[in-house]
């Protein structure tokens, strides 16, 4: 967890955890722990978002944008495998909200329902 919080790479983490007797931690173990840390942070952030209430209100401006998070498949042009996420932040406030588009669809009715849920 220390290595994850310090932003160390898998390789740096394995070097940090190397024992004097020659035993090393596997990449898979490091990957599992890093995944656990990411999932724990995601759960915390989702619970924190729910407890904060809605963004916006009268005379408030909420900025909204969408992004696709994933990776490029090099053998298929510029197609990106991943998830569409809507980000919302109120001007003058650091409270950021993220919503994943269900079924990776961005139709107007879906986006409006996500925005109404958050704002």
PDB file of N, CA and C in Angstrom:
ATOM      1  N   UNK A   1       0.828  -1.188   0.000  1.00  0.00           N
ATOM      2  CA  UNK A   1       0.000   0.000   0.000  1.00  0.00           C
ATOM      3  C   UNK A   1       0.873   1.253   0.000  1.00  0.00           C
ATOM      4  N   UNK A   2       1.992   1.180   0.689  1.00  0.00           N
ATOM      5  CA  UNK A   2       2.920   2.311   0.705  1.00  0.00           C
ATOM      6  C   UNK A   2       3.393   2.617  -0.708  1.00  0.00           C
ATOM      7  N   UNK A   3       3.786   1.595  -1.439  1.00  0.00           N
ATOM      8  CA  UNK A   3       4.305   1.785  -2.797  1.00  0.00           C
ATOM      9  C   UNK A   3       3.240   2.402  -3.697  1.00  0.00           C
ATOM     10  N   UNK A   4       2.007   1.953  -3.564  1.00  0.00           N
ATOM     11  CA  UNK A   4       0.911   2.507  -4.358  1.00  0.00           C
ATOM     12  C   UNK A   4       0.710   3.977  -4.033  1.00  0.00           C
ATOM     13  N   UNK A   5       0.670   4.298  -2.742  1.00  0.00           N
ATOM     14  CA  UNK A   5       0.427   5.686  -2.335  1.00  0.00           C
ATOM     15  C   UNK A   5       1.565   6.615  -2.734  1.00  0.00           C
ATOM     16  N   UNK A   6       2.762   6.072  -2.882  1.00  0.00           N
ATOM     17  CA  UNK A   6       3.913   6.879  -3.297  1.00  0.00           C
ATOM     18  C   UNK A   6       4.062   6.938  -4.816  1.00  0.00           C
ATOM     19  N   UNK A   7       3.204   6.207  -5.534  1.00  0.00           N
ATOM     20  CA  UNK A   7       3.239   6.231  -6.993  1.00  0.00           C
ATOM     21  C   UNK A   7       4.375   5.428  -7.601  1.00  0.00           C
ATOM     22  N   UNK A   8       4.865   4.426  -6.864  1.00  0.00           N
ATOM     23  CA  UNK A   8       5.944   3.596  -7.395  1.00  0.00           C
ATOM     24  C   UNK A   8       5.417   2.681  -8.500  1.00  0.00           C
ATOM     25  N   UNK A   9       6.271   2.345  -9.449  1.00  0.00           N
ATOM     26  CA  UNK A   9       5.912   1.399 -10.505  1.00  0.00           C
ATOM     27  C   UNK A   9       5.957  -0.021  -9.934  1.00  0.00           C
ATOM     28  N   UNK A  10       5.474  -0.992 -10.716  1.00  0.00           N
ATOM     29  CA  UNK A  10       5.562  -2.390 -10.289  1.00  0.00           C
ATOM     30  C   UNK A  10       7.022  -2.765 -10.054  1.00  0.00           C
ATOM     31  N   UNK A  11       7.883  -2.392 -10.990  1.00  0.00           N
ATOM     32  CA  UNK A  11       9.308  -2.727 -10.884  1.00  0.00           C
ATOM     33  C   UNK A  11       9.923  -2.109  -9.623  1.00  0.00           C
ATOM     34  N   UNK A  12       9.641  -0.841  -9.376  1.00  0.00           N
ATOM     35  CA  UNK A  12      10.173  -0.185  -8.177  1.00  0.00           C
ATOM     36  C   UNK A  12       9.634  -0.844  -6.911  1.00  0.00           C
ATOM     37  N   UNK A  13       8.369  -1.247  -6.942  1.00  0.00           N
ATOM     38  CA  UNK A  13       7.762  -1.902  -5.779  1.00  0.00           C
ATOM     39  C   UNK A  13       8.436  -3.237  -5.505  1.00  0.00           C
ATOM     40  N   UNK A  14       8.682  -4.011  -6.555  1.00  0.00           N
ATOM     41  CA  UNK A  14       9.351  -5.305  -6.375  1.00  0.00           C
ATOM     42  C   UNK A  14      10.748  -5.113  -5.800  1.00  0.00           C
ATOM     43  N   UNK A  15      11.477  -4.105  -6.270  1.00  0.00           N
ATOM     44  CA  UNK A  15      12.815  -3.829  -5.738  1.00  0.00           C
ATOM     45  C   UNK A  15      12.734  -3.429  -4.267  1.00  0.00           C
ATOM     46  N   UNK A  16      11.737  -2.622  -3.933  1.00  0.00           N
ATOM     47  CA  UNK A  16      11.556  -2.156  -2.550  1.00  0.00           C
ATOM     48  C   UNK A  16      11.260  -3.330  -1.610  1.00  0.00           C
ATOM     49  N   UNK A  17      10.550  -4.336  -2.117  1.00  0.00           N
ATOM     50  CA  UNK A  17      10.135  -5.472  -1.293  1.00  0.00           C
ATOM     51  C   UNK A  17      11.090  -6.659  -1.353  1.00  0.00           C
ATOM     52  N   UNK A  18      12.162  -6.553  -2.111  1.00  0.00           N
ATOM     53  CA  UNK A  18      13.106  -7.669  -2.243  1.00  0.00           C
ATOM     54  C   UNK A  18      13.719  -8.017  -0.889  1.00  0.00           C
ATOM     55  N   UNK A  19      13.815  -9.299  -0.624  1.00  0.00           N
ATOM     56  CA  UNK A  19      14.388  -9.790   0.632  1.00  0.00           C
ATOM     57  C   UNK A  19      15.873 -10.106   0.446  1.00  0.00           C
ATOM     58  N   UNK A  20      16.601 -10.112   1.543  1.00  0.00           N
ATOM     59  CA  UNK A  20      18.032 -10.428   1.499  1.00  0.00           C
ATOM     60  C   UNK A  20      18.304 -11.870   1.093  1.00  0.00           C
ATOM     61  N   UNK A  21      17.327 -12.758   1.292  1.00  0.00           N
ATOM     62  CA  UNK A  21      17.540 -14.167   0.962  1.00  0.00           C
ATOM     63  C   UNK A  21      17.238 -14.477  -0.510  1.00  0.00           C
ATOM     64  N   UNK A  22      16.986 -13.458  -1.316  1.00  0.00           N
ATOM     65  CA  UNK A  22      16.770 -13.657  -2.744  1.00  0.00           C
ATOM     66  C   UNK A  22      15.320 -13.814  -3.153  1.00  0.00           C
ATOM     67  N   UNK A  23      14.410 -13.897  -2.189  1.00  0.00           N
ATOM     68  CA  UNK A  23      12.999 -14.023  -2.538  1.00  0.00           C
ATOM     69  C   UNK A  23      12.477 -12.683  -3.056  1.00  0.00           C
ATOM     70  N   UNK A  24      11.637 -12.770  -4.072  1.00  0.00           N
ATOM     71  CA  UNK A  24      11.041 -11.559  -4.632  1.00  0.00           C
ATOM     72  C   UNK A  24       9.527 -11.728  -4.710  1.00  0.00           C
ATOM     73  N   UNK A  25       8.845 -10.610  -4.714  1.00  0.00           N
ATOM     74  CA  UNK A  25       7.397 -10.606  -4.863  1.00  0.00           C
ATOM     75  C   UNK A  25       7.084 -10.626  -6.358  1.00  0.00           C
ATOM     76  N   UNK A  26       6.100 -11.413  -6.745  1.00  0.00           N
ATOM     77  CA  UNK A  26       5.772 -11.537  -8.171  1.00  0.00           C
ATOM     78  C   UNK A  26       5.030 -10.299  -8.680  1.00  0.00           C
ATOM     79  N   UNK A  27       5.094 -10.104  -9.994  1.00  0.00           N
ATOM     80  CA  UNK A  27       4.342  -9.014 -10.622  1.00  0.00           C
ATOM     81  C   UNK A  27       2.849  -9.171 -10.352  1.00  0.00           C
ATOM     82  N   UNK A  28       2.387 -10.412 -10.364  1.00  0.00           N
ATOM     83  CA  UNK A  28       0.961 -10.647 -10.133  1.00  0.00           C
ATOM     84  C   UNK A  28       0.543 -10.202  -8.731  1.00  0.00           C
ATOM     85  N   UNK A  29       1.375 -10.473  -7.728  1.00  0.00           N
ATOM     86  CA  UNK A  29       1.068 -10.050  -6.364  1.00  0.00           C
ATOM     87  C   UNK A  29       1.014  -8.530  -6.275  1.00  0.00           C
ATOM     88  N   UNK A  30       1.988  -7.875  -6.882  1.00  0.00           N
ATOM     89  CA  UNK A  30       2.006  -6.407  -6.880  1.00  0.00           C
ATOM     90  C   UNK A  30       0.765  -5.878  -7.598  1.00  0.00           C
ATOM     91  N   UNK A  31       0.430  -6.466  -8.744  1.00  0.00           N
ATOM     92  CA  UNK A  31      -0.748  -6.034  -9.502  1.00  0.00           C
ATOM     93  C   UNK A  31      -2.020  -6.218  -8.682  1.00  0.00           C
ATOM     94  N   UNK A  32      -2.133  -7.346  -7.972  1.00  0.00           N
ATOM     95  CA  UNK A  32      -3.311  -7.597  -7.134  1.00  0.00           C
ATOM     96  C   UNK A  32      -3.437  -6.549  -6.034  1.00  0.00           C
ATOM     97  N   UNK A  33      -2.334  -6.211  -5.388  1.00  0.00           N
ATOM     98  CA  UNK A  33      -2.371  -5.204  -4.323  1.00  0.00           C
ATOM     99  C   UNK A  33      -2.689  -3.819  -4.872  1.00  0.00           C
ATOM    100  N   UNK A  34      -2.115  -3.471  -6.018  1.00  0.00           N
ATOM    101  CA  UNK A  34      -2.420  -2.175  -6.632  1.00  0.00           C
ATOM    102  C   UNK A  34      -3.899  -2.112  -7.020  1.00  0.00           C
ATOM    103  N   UNK A  35      -4.440  -3.206  -7.573  1.00  0.00           N
ATOM    104  CA  UNK A  35      -5.859  -3.252  -7.929  1.00  0.00           C
ATOM    105  C   UNK A  35      -6.717  -3.086  -6.678  1.00  0.00           C
ATOM    106  N   UNK A  36      -6.346  -3.757  -5.597  1.00  0.00           N
ATOM    107  CA  UNK A  36      -7.078  -3.628  -4.336  1.00  0.00           C
ATOM    108  C   UNK A  36      -7.092  -2.170  -3.878  1.00  0.00           C
ATOM    109  N   UNK A  37      -5.946  -1.502  -3.965  1.00  0.00           N
ATOM    110  CA  UNK A  37      -5.865  -0.091  -3.557  1.00  0.00           C
ATOM    111  C   UNK A  37      -6.764   0.780  -4.430  1.00  0.00           C
ATOM    112  N   UNK A  38      -6.741   0.564  -5.748  1.00  0.00           N
ATOM    113  CA  UNK A  38      -7.588   1.353  -6.650  1.00  0.00           C
ATOM    114  C   UNK A  38      -9.066   1.126  -6.349  1.00  0.00           C
ATOM    115  N   UNK A  39      -9.454  -0.131  -6.118  1.00  0.00           N
ATOM    116  CA  UNK A  39     -10.852  -0.438  -5.823  1.00  0.00           C
ATOM    117  C   UNK A  39     -11.286   0.186  -4.507  1.00  0.00           C
ATOM    118  N   UNK A  40     -10.422   0.157  -3.506  1.00  0.00           N
ATOM    119  CA  UNK A  40     -10.735   0.755  -2.208  1.00  0.00           C
ATOM    120  C   UNK A  40     -10.951   2.256  -2.350  1.00  0.00           C
ATOM    121  N   UNK A  41     -10.099   2.911  -3.112  1.00  0.00           N
ATOM    122  CA  UNK A  41     -10.240   4.350  -3.333  1.00  0.00           C
ATOM    123  C   UNK A  41     -11.530   4.646  -4.093  1.00  0.00           C
ATOM    124  N   UNK A  42     -11.843   3.840  -5.099  1.00  0.00           N
ATOM    125  CA  UNK A  42     -13.067   4.050  -5.876  1.00  0.00           C
ATOM    126  C   UNK A  42     -14.301   3.907  -4.995  1.00  0.00           C
ATOM    127  N   UNK A  43     -14.335   2.898  -4.138  1.00  0.00           N
ATOM    128  CA  UNK A  43     -15.471   2.699  -3.231  1.00  0.00           C
ATOM    129  C   UNK A  43     -15.607   3.882  -2.286  1.00  0.00           C
ATOM    130  N   UNK A  44     -14.489   4.336  -1.729  1.00  0.00           N
ATOM    131  CA  UNK A  44     -14.518   5.490  -0.829  1.00  0.00           C
ATOM    132  C   UNK A  44     -15.069   6.722  -1.545  1.00  0.00           C
ATOM    133  N   UNK A  45     -14.574   6.978  -2.758  1.00  0.00           N
ATOM    134  CA  UNK A  45     -15.006   8.163  -3.502  1.00  0.00           C
ATOM    135  C   UNK A  45     -16.494   8.094  -3.837  1.00  0.00           C
ATOM    136  N   UNK A  46     -16.992   6.924  -4.226  1.00  0.00           N
ATOM    137  CA  UNK A  46     -18.417   6.788  -4.531  1.00  0.00           C
ATOM    138  C   UNK A  46     -19.274   7.042  -3.296  1.00  0.00           C
ATOM    139  N   UNK A  47     -18.878   6.484  -2.159  1.00  0.00           N
ATOM    140  CA  UNK A  47     -19.623   6.715  -0.921  1.00  0.00           C
ATOM    141  C   UNK A  47     -19.558   8.179  -0.516  1.00  0.00           C
ATOM    142  N   UNK A  48     -18.405   8.803  -0.702  1.00  0.00           N
ATOM    143  CA  UNK A  48     -18.240  10.211  -0.375  1.00  0.00           C
ATOM    144  C   UNK A  48     -19.128  11.079  -1.271  1.00  0.00           C
ATOM    145  N   UNK A  49     -19.202  10.755  -2.572  1.00  0.00           N
ATOM    146  CA  UNK A  49     -20.069  11.497  -3.492  1.00  0.00           C
ATOM    147  C   UNK A  49     -21.518  11.430  -3.052  1.00  0.00           C
ATOM    148  N   UNK A  50     -21.963  10.248  -2.670  1.00  0.00           N
ATOM    149  CA  UNK A  50     -23.366  10.065  -2.281  1.00  0.00           C
ATOM    150  C   UNK A  50     -23.707  10.865  -1.029  1.00  0.00           C
ATOM    151  N   UNK A  51     -22.754  11.009  -0.124  1.00  0.00           N
ATOM    152  CA  UNK A  51     -23.016  11.723   1.124  1.00  0.00           C
ATOM    153  C   UNK A  51     -22.964  13.237   0.950  1.00  0.00           C
ATOM    154  N   UNK A  52     -22.415  13.731  -0.161  1.00  0.00           N
ATOM    155  CA  UNK A  52     -22.251  15.168  -0.368  1.00  0.00           C
ATOM    156  C   UNK A  52     -23.516  15.860  -0.866  1.00  0.00           C
ATOM    157  N   UNK A  53     -24.479  15.128  -1.359  1.00  0.00           N
ATOM    158  CA  UNK A  53     -25.663  15.767  -1.924  1.00  0.00           C
ATOM    159  C   UNK A  53     -25.427  16.152  -3.375  1.00  0.00           C
ATOM    160  N   UNK A  54     -26.328  16.979  -3.895  1.00  0.00           N
ATOM    161  CA  UNK A  54     -26.265  17.340  -5.307  1.00  0.00           C
ATOM    162  C   UNK A  54     -25.423  18.592  -5.532  1.00  0.00           C
ATOM    163  N   UNK A  55     -24.942  18.725  -6.761  1.00  0.00           N
ATOM    164  CA  UNK A  55     -24.203  19.916  -7.182  1.00  0.00           C
ATOM    165  C   UNK A  55     -25.181  20.962  -7.695  1.00  0.00           C
ATOM    166  N   UNK A  56     -24.716  22.206  -7.758  1.00  0.00           N
ATOM    167  CA  UNK A  56     -25.479  23.265  -8.400  1.00  0.00           C
ATOM    168  C   UNK A  56     -26.560  23.845  -7.522  1.00  0.00           C
ATOM    169  N   UNK A  57     -27.492  24.516  -8.166  1.00  0.00           N
ATOM    170  CA  UNK A  57     -28.576  25.212  -7.503  1.00  0.00           C
ATOM    171  C   UNK A  57     -28.806  26.542  -8.203  1.00  0.00           C
ATOM    172  N   UNK A  58     -29.703  27.362  -7.649  1.00  0.00           N
ATOM    173  CA  UNK A  58     -29.970  28.664  -8.269  1.00  0.00           C
ATOM    174  C   UNK A  58     -28.690  29.503  -8.371  1.00  0.00           C
ATOM    175  N   UNK A  59     -28.494  30.100  -9.523  1.00  0.00           N
ATOM    176  CA  UNK A  59     -27.337  30.973  -9.798  1.00  0.00           C
ATOM    177  C   UNK A  59     -25.991  30.266  -9.665  1.00  0.00           C
ATOM    178  N   UNK A  60     -25.973  28.957  -9.794  1.00  0.00           N
ATOM    179  CA  UNK A  60     -24.723  28.183  -9.756  1.00  0.00           C
ATOM    180  C   UNK A  60     -24.461  27.622 -11.148  1.00  0.00           C
ATOM    181  N   UNK A  61     -23.191  27.568 -11.526  1.00  0.00           N
ATOM    182  CA  UNK A  61     -22.799  27.012 -12.820  1.00  0.00           C
ATOM    183  C   UNK A  61     -22.087  25.688 -12.577  1.00  0.00           C
ATOM    184  N   UNK A  62     -22.544  24.649 -13.257  1.00  0.00           N
ATOM    185  CA  UNK A  62     -21.907  23.340 -13.175  1.00  0.00           C
ATOM    186  C   UNK A  62     -21.319  23.031 -14.551  1.00  0.00           C
ATOM    187  N   UNK A  63     -20.022  22.792 -14.586  1.00  0.00           N
ATOM    188  CA  UNK A  63     -19.356  22.434 -15.838  1.00  0.00           C
ATOM    189  C   UNK A  63     -19.425  20.916 -16.011  1.00  0.00           C
ATOM    190  N   UNK A  64     -19.748  20.494 -17.221  1.00  0.00           N
ATOM    191  CA  UNK A  64     -19.935  19.071 -17.509  1.00  0.00           C
ATOM    192  C   UNK A  64     -19.114  18.704 -18.741  1.00  0.00           C
ATOM    193  N   UNK A  65     -18.434  17.568 -18.675  1.00  0.00           N
ATOM    194  CA  UNK A  65     -17.678  17.081 -19.824  1.00  0.00           C
ATOM    195  C   UNK A  65     -17.703  15.561 -19.808  1.00  0.00           C
ATOM    196  N   UNK A  66     -17.401  14.973 -20.943  1.00  0.00           N
ATOM    197  CA  UNK A  66     -17.366  13.520 -21.038  1.00  0.00           C
ATOM    198  C   UNK A  66     -16.006  13.086 -21.555  1.00  0.00           C
ATOM    199  N   UNK A  67     -15.568  11.928 -21.103  1.00  0.00           N
ATOM    200  CA  UNK A  67     -14.297  11.361 -21.552  1.00  0.00           C
ATOM    201  C   UNK A  67     -14.434   9.857 -21.616  1.00  0.00           C
ATOM    202  N   UNK A  68     -13.627   9.263 -22.457  1.00  0.00           N
ATOM    203  CA  UNK A  68     -13.592   7.804 -22.531  1.00  0.00           C
ATOM    204  C   UNK A  68     -12.284   7.333 -21.919  1.00  0.00           C
ATOM    205  N   UNK A  69     -12.392   6.477 -20.926  1.00  0.00           N
ATOM    206  CA  UNK A  69     -11.226   5.938 -20.245  1.00  0.00           C
ATOM    207  C   UNK A  69     -11.012   4.512 -20.712  1.00  0.00           C
ATOM    208  N   UNK A  70      -9.834   4.235 -21.216  1.00  0.00           N
ATOM    209  CA  UNK A  70      -9.543   2.901 -21.704  1.00  0.00           C
ATOM    210  C   UNK A  70      -8.195   2.868 -22.370  1.00  0.00           C
ATOM    211  N   UNK A  71      -8.032   1.903 -23.256  1.00  0.00           N
ATOM    212  CA  UNK A  71      -6.756   1.769 -23.947  1.00  0.00           C
ATOM    213  C   UNK A  71      -7.000   1.593 -25.437  1.00  0.00           C
ATOM    214  N   UNK A  72      -6.033   2.050 -26.220  1.00  0.00           N
ATOM    215  CA  UNK A  72      -6.118   1.955 -27.669  1.00  0.00           C
ATOM    216  C   UNK A  72      -5.719   0.550 -28.099  1.00  0.00           C
ATOM    217  N   UNK A  73      -6.502  -0.019 -28.983  1.00  0.00           N
ATOM    218  CA  UNK A  73      -6.160  -1.306 -29.584  1.00  0.00           C
ATOM    219  C   UNK A  73      -5.388  -1.008 -30.865  1.00  0.00           C
ATOM    220  N   UNK A  74      -4.098  -1.303 -30.875  1.00  0.00           N
ATOM    221  CA  UNK A  74      -3.235  -0.907 -31.980  1.00  0.00           C
ATOM    222  C   UNK A  74      -3.523  -1.623 -33.291  1.00  0.00           C
ATOM    223  N   UNK A  75      -4.128  -2.791 -33.243  1.00  0.00           N
ATOM    224  CA  UNK A  75      -4.376  -3.506 -34.496  1.00  0.00           C
ATOM    225  C   UNK A  75      -5.711  -3.135 -35.130  1.00  0.00           C
ATOM    226  N   UNK A  76      -6.413  -2.176 -34.582  1.00  0.00           N
ATOM    227  CA  UNK A  76      -7.728  -1.845 -35.124  1.00  0.00           C
ATOM    228  C   UNK A  76      -7.953  -0.367 -35.335  1.00  0.00           C
ATOM    229  N   UNK A  77      -6.980   0.372 -35.796  1.00  0.00           N
ATOM    230  CA  UNK A  77      -7.161   1.798 -36.022  1.00  0.00           C
ATOM    231  C   UNK A  77      -7.158   2.572 -34.721  1.00  0.00           C
ATOM    232  N   UNK A  78      -8.105   3.506 -34.593  1.00  0.00           N
ATOM    233  CA  UNK A  78      -8.130   4.350 -33.395  1.00  0.00           C
ATOM    234  C   UNK A  78      -9.252   3.965 -32.437  1.00  0.00           C
ATOM    235  N   UNK A  79      -9.794   2.778 -32.572  1.00  0.00           N
ATOM    236  CA  UNK A  79     -10.846   2.323 -31.659  1.00  0.00           C
ATOM    237  C   UNK A  79     -10.282   2.193 -30.246  1.00  0.00           C
ATOM    238  N   UNK A  80     -10.985   2.766 -29.285  1.00  0.00           N
ATOM    239  CA  UNK A  80     -10.536   2.709 -27.893  1.00  0.00           C
ATOM    240  C   UNK A  80     -11.505   1.845 -27.104  1.00  0.00           C
ATOM    241  N   UNK A  81     -10.975   0.815 -26.453  1.00  0.00           N
ATOM    242  CA  UNK A  81     -11.771  -0.016 -25.551  1.00  0.00           C
ATOM    243  C   UNK A  81     -11.836   0.716 -24.215  1.00  0.00           C
ATOM    244  N   UNK A  82     -13.023   0.874 -23.653  1.00  0.00           N
ATOM    245  CA  UNK A  82     -13.097   1.544 -22.362  1.00  0.00           C
ATOM    246  C   UNK A  82     -14.507   1.970 -22.013  1.00  0.00           C
ATOM    247  N   UNK A  83     -14.606   2.885 -21.054  1.00  0.00           N
ATOM    248  CA  UNK A  83     -15.891   3.339 -20.523  1.00  0.00           C
ATOM    249  C   UNK A  83     -16.032   4.847 -20.689  1.00  0.00           C
ATOM    250  N   UNK A  84     -17.223   5.279 -21.090  1.00  0.00           N
ATOM    251  CA  UNK A  84     -17.527   6.701 -21.149  1.00  0.00           C
ATOM    252  C   UNK A  84     -17.905   7.172 -19.754  1.00  0.00           C
ATOM    253  N   UNK A  85     -17.315   8.282 -19.345  1.00  0.00           N
ATOM    254  CA  UNK A  85     -17.539   8.839 -18.013  1.00  0.00           C
ATOM    255  C   UNK A  85     -17.930  10.307 -18.161  1.00  0.00           C
ATOM    256  N   UNK A  86     -18.949  10.722 -17.416  1.00  0.00           N
ATOM    257  CA  UNK A  86     -19.375  12.115 -17.381  1.00  0.00           C
ATOM    258  C   UNK A  86     -18.798  12.731 -16.107  1.00  0.00           C
ATOM    259  N   UNK A  87     -18.093  13.834 -16.263  1.00  0.00           N
ATOM    260  CA  UNK A  87     -17.532  14.551 -15.122  1.00  0.00           C
ATOM    261  C   UNK A  87     -18.265  15.863 -14.918  1.00  0.00           C
ATOM    262  N   UNK A  88     -18.563  16.198 -13.663  1.00  0.00           N
ATOM    263  CA  UNK A  88     -19.280  17.430 -13.341  1.00  0.00           C
ATOM    264  C   UNK A  88     -18.610  18.116 -12.162  1.00  0.00           C
ATOM    265  N   UNK A  89     -18.435  19.436 -12.274  1.00  0.00           N
ATOM    266  CA  UNK A  89     -17.857  20.211 -11.184  1.00  0.00           C
ATOM    267  C   UNK A  89     -18.540  21.573 -11.146  1.00  0.00           C
ATOM    268  N   UNK A  90     -18.858  22.012  -9.938  1.00  0.00           N
ATOM    269  CA  UNK A  90     -19.501  23.309  -9.751  1.00  0.00           C
ATOM    270  C   UNK A  90     -18.426  24.386  -9.690  1.00  0.00           C
ATOM    271  N   UNK A  91     -18.633  25.498 -10.412  1.00  0.00           N
ATOM    272  CA  UNK A  91     -17.679  26.608 -10.368  1.00  0.00           C
ATOM    273  C   UNK A  91     -17.493  27.082  -8.929  1.00  0.00           C
ATOM    274  N   UNK A  92     -16.240  27.284  -8.533  1.00  0.00           N
ATOM    275  CA  UNK A  92     -15.930  27.748  -7.184  1.00  0.00           C
ATOM    276  C   UNK A  92     -15.982  26.659  -6.133  1.00  0.00           C
ATOM    277  N   UNK A  93     -16.057  25.412  -6.556  1.00  0.00           N
ATOM    278  CA  UNK A  93     -16.166  24.288  -5.630  1.00  0.00           C
ATOM    279  C   UNK A  93     -15.203  23.203  -6.107  1.00  0.00           C
ATOM    280  N   UNK A  94     -14.591  22.500  -5.191  1.00  0.00           N
ATOM    281  CA  UNK A  94     -13.660  21.433  -5.570  1.00  0.00           C
ATOM    282  C   UNK A  94     -14.338  20.067  -5.608  1.00  0.00           C
ATOM    283  N   UNK A  95     -15.631  20.034  -5.338  1.00  0.00           N
ATOM    284  CA  UNK A  95     -16.380  18.780  -5.287  1.00  0.00           C
ATOM    285  C   UNK A  95     -16.656  18.276  -6.700  1.00  0.00           C
ATOM    286  N   UNK A  96     -15.922  17.259  -7.126  1.00  0.00           N
ATOM    287  CA  UNK A  96     -16.040  16.679  -8.461  1.00  0.00           C
ATOM    288  C   UNK A  96     -16.935  15.453  -8.399  1.00  0.00           C
ATOM    289  N   UNK A  97     -17.785  15.285  -9.396  1.00  0.00           N
ATOM    290  CA  UNK A  97     -18.627  14.096  -9.493  1.00  0.00           C
ATOM    291  C   UNK A  97     -18.354  13.396 -10.808  1.00  0.00           C
ATOM    292  N   UNK A  98     -18.290  12.089 -10.762  1.00  0.00           N
ATOM    293  CA  UNK A  98     -18.087  11.268 -11.952  1.00  0.00           C
ATOM    294  C   UNK A  98     -19.204  10.244 -12.035  1.00  0.00           C
ATOM    295  N   UNK A  99     -19.737  10.056 -13.223  1.00  0.00           N
ATOM    296  CA  UNK A  99     -20.772   9.054 -13.464  1.00  0.00           C
ATOM    297  C   UNK A  99     -20.383   8.245 -14.696  1.00  0.00           C
ATOM    298  N   UNK A 100     -20.388   6.937 -14.574  1.00  0.00           N
ATOM    299  CA  UNK A 100     -20.101   6.061 -15.709  1.00  0.00           C
ATOM    300  C   UNK A 100     -21.386   5.880 -16.507  1.00  0.00           C
ATOM    301  N   UNK A 101     -21.302   6.051 -17.822  1.00  0.00           N
ATOM    302  CA  UNK A 101     -22.473   5.875 -18.687  1.00  0.00           C
ATOM    303  C   UNK A 101     -22.868   4.401 -18.709  1.00  0.00           C
ATOM    304  N   UNK A 102     -24.118   4.091 -18.352  1.00  0.00           N
ATOM    305  CA  UNK A 102     -24.544   2.695 -18.352  1.00  0.00           C
ATOM    306  C   UNK A 102     -24.502   2.110 -19.761  1.00  0.00           C
ATOM    307  N   UNK A 103     -24.045   0.892 -19.868  1.00  0.00           N
ATOM    308  CA  UNK A 103     -23.921   0.176 -21.146  1.00  0.00           C
ATOM    309  C   UNK A 103     -23.084   0.942 -22.164  1.00  0.00           C
ATOM    310  N   UNK A 104     -22.262   1.869 -21.677  1.00  0.00           N
ATOM    311  CA  UNK A 104     -21.358   2.646 -22.537  1.00  0.00           C
ATOM    312  C   UNK A 104     -22.108   3.434 -23.608  1.00  0.00           C
ATOM    313  N   UNK A 105     -23.340   3.848 -23.303  1.00  0.00           N
ATOM    314  CA  UNK A 105     -24.156   4.599 -24.258  1.00  0.00           C
ATOM    315  C   UNK A 105     -24.241   6.055 -23.829  1.00  0.00           C
ATOM    316  N   UNK A 106     -24.237   6.962 -24.824  1.00  0.00           N
ATOM    317  CA  UNK A 106     -24.262   8.394 -24.534  1.00  0.00           C
ATOM    318  C   UNK A 106     -25.450   9.081 -25.196  1.00  0.00           C
ATOM    319  N   UNK A 107     -26.583   8.442 -25.227  1.00  0.00           N
ATOM    320  CA  UNK A 107     -27.777   9.059 -25.787  1.00  0.00           C
ATOM    321  C   UNK A 107     -28.232  10.195 -24.878  1.00  0.00           C
ATOM    322  N   UNK A 108     -28.913  11.178 -25.465  1.00  0.00           N
ATOM    323  CA  UNK A 108     -29.315  12.373 -24.720  1.00  0.00           C
ATOM    324  C   UNK A 108     -30.111  12.029 -23.467  1.00  0.00           C
ATOM    325  N   UNK A 109     -31.076  11.108 -23.573  1.00  0.00           N
ATOM    326  CA  UNK A 109     -31.903  10.788 -22.405  1.00  0.00           C
ATOM    327  C   UNK A 109     -31.083  10.171 -21.277  1.00  0.00           C
ATOM    328  N   UNK A 110     -30.073   9.382 -21.624  1.00  0.00           N
ATOM    329  CA  UNK A 110     -29.205   8.777 -20.609  1.00  0.00           C
ATOM    330  C   UNK A 110     -28.356   9.853 -19.943  1.00  0.00           C
ATOM    331  N   UNK A 111     -27.773  10.742 -20.747  1.00  0.00           N
ATOM    332  CA  UNK A 111     -26.931  11.808 -20.192  1.00  0.00           C
ATOM    333  C   UNK A 111     -27.744  12.742 -19.307  1.00  0.00           C
ATOM    334  N   UNK A 112     -28.956  13.098 -19.746  1.00  0.00           N
ATOM    335  CA  UNK A 112     -29.804  13.988 -18.945  1.00  0.00           C
ATOM    336  C   UNK A 112     -30.150  13.336 -17.616  1.00  0.00           C
ATOM    337  N   UNK A 113     -30.453  12.036 -17.616  1.00  0.00           N
ATOM    338  CA  UNK A 113     -30.788  11.363 -16.350  1.00  0.00           C
ATOM    339  C   UNK A 113     -29.584  11.324 -15.406  1.00  0.00           C
ATOM    340  N   UNK A 114     -28.373  11.131 -15.937  1.00  0.00           N
ATOM    341  CA  UNK A 114     -27.168  11.156 -15.099  1.00  0.00           C
ATOM    342  C   UNK A 114     -26.935  12.546 -14.519  1.00  0.00           C
ATOM    343  N   UNK A 115     -27.164  13.562 -15.335  1.00  0.00           N
ATOM    344  CA  UNK A 115     -26.973  14.940 -14.867  1.00  0.00           C
ATOM    345  C   UNK A 115     -28.006  15.285 -13.802  1.00  0.00           C
ATOM    346  N   UNK A 116     -29.267  14.910 -14.009  1.00  0.00           N
ATOM    347  CA  UNK A 116     -30.317  15.199 -13.021  1.00  0.00           C
ATOM    348  C   UNK A 116     -30.059  14.472 -11.706  1.00  0.00           C
ATOM    349  N   UNK A 117     -29.490  13.292 -11.799  1.00  0.00           N
ATOM    350  CA  UNK A 117     -29.174  12.521 -10.589  1.00  0.00           C
ATOM    351  C   UNK A 117     -28.117  13.233  -9.744  1.00  0.00           C
ATOM    352  N   UNK A 118     -27.215  13.956 -10.404  1.00  0.00           N
ATOM    353  CA  UNK A 118     -26.074  14.570  -9.731  1.00  0.00           C
ATOM    354  C   UNK A 118     -26.285  16.047  -9.436  1.00  0.00           C
ATOM    355  N   UNK A 119     -27.040  16.735 -10.275  1.00  0.00           N
ATOM    356  CA  UNK A 119     -27.214  18.191 -10.117  1.00  0.00           C
ATOM    357  C   UNK A 119     -28.628  18.531  -9.685  1.00  0.00           C
TER     358      UNK A 119
END
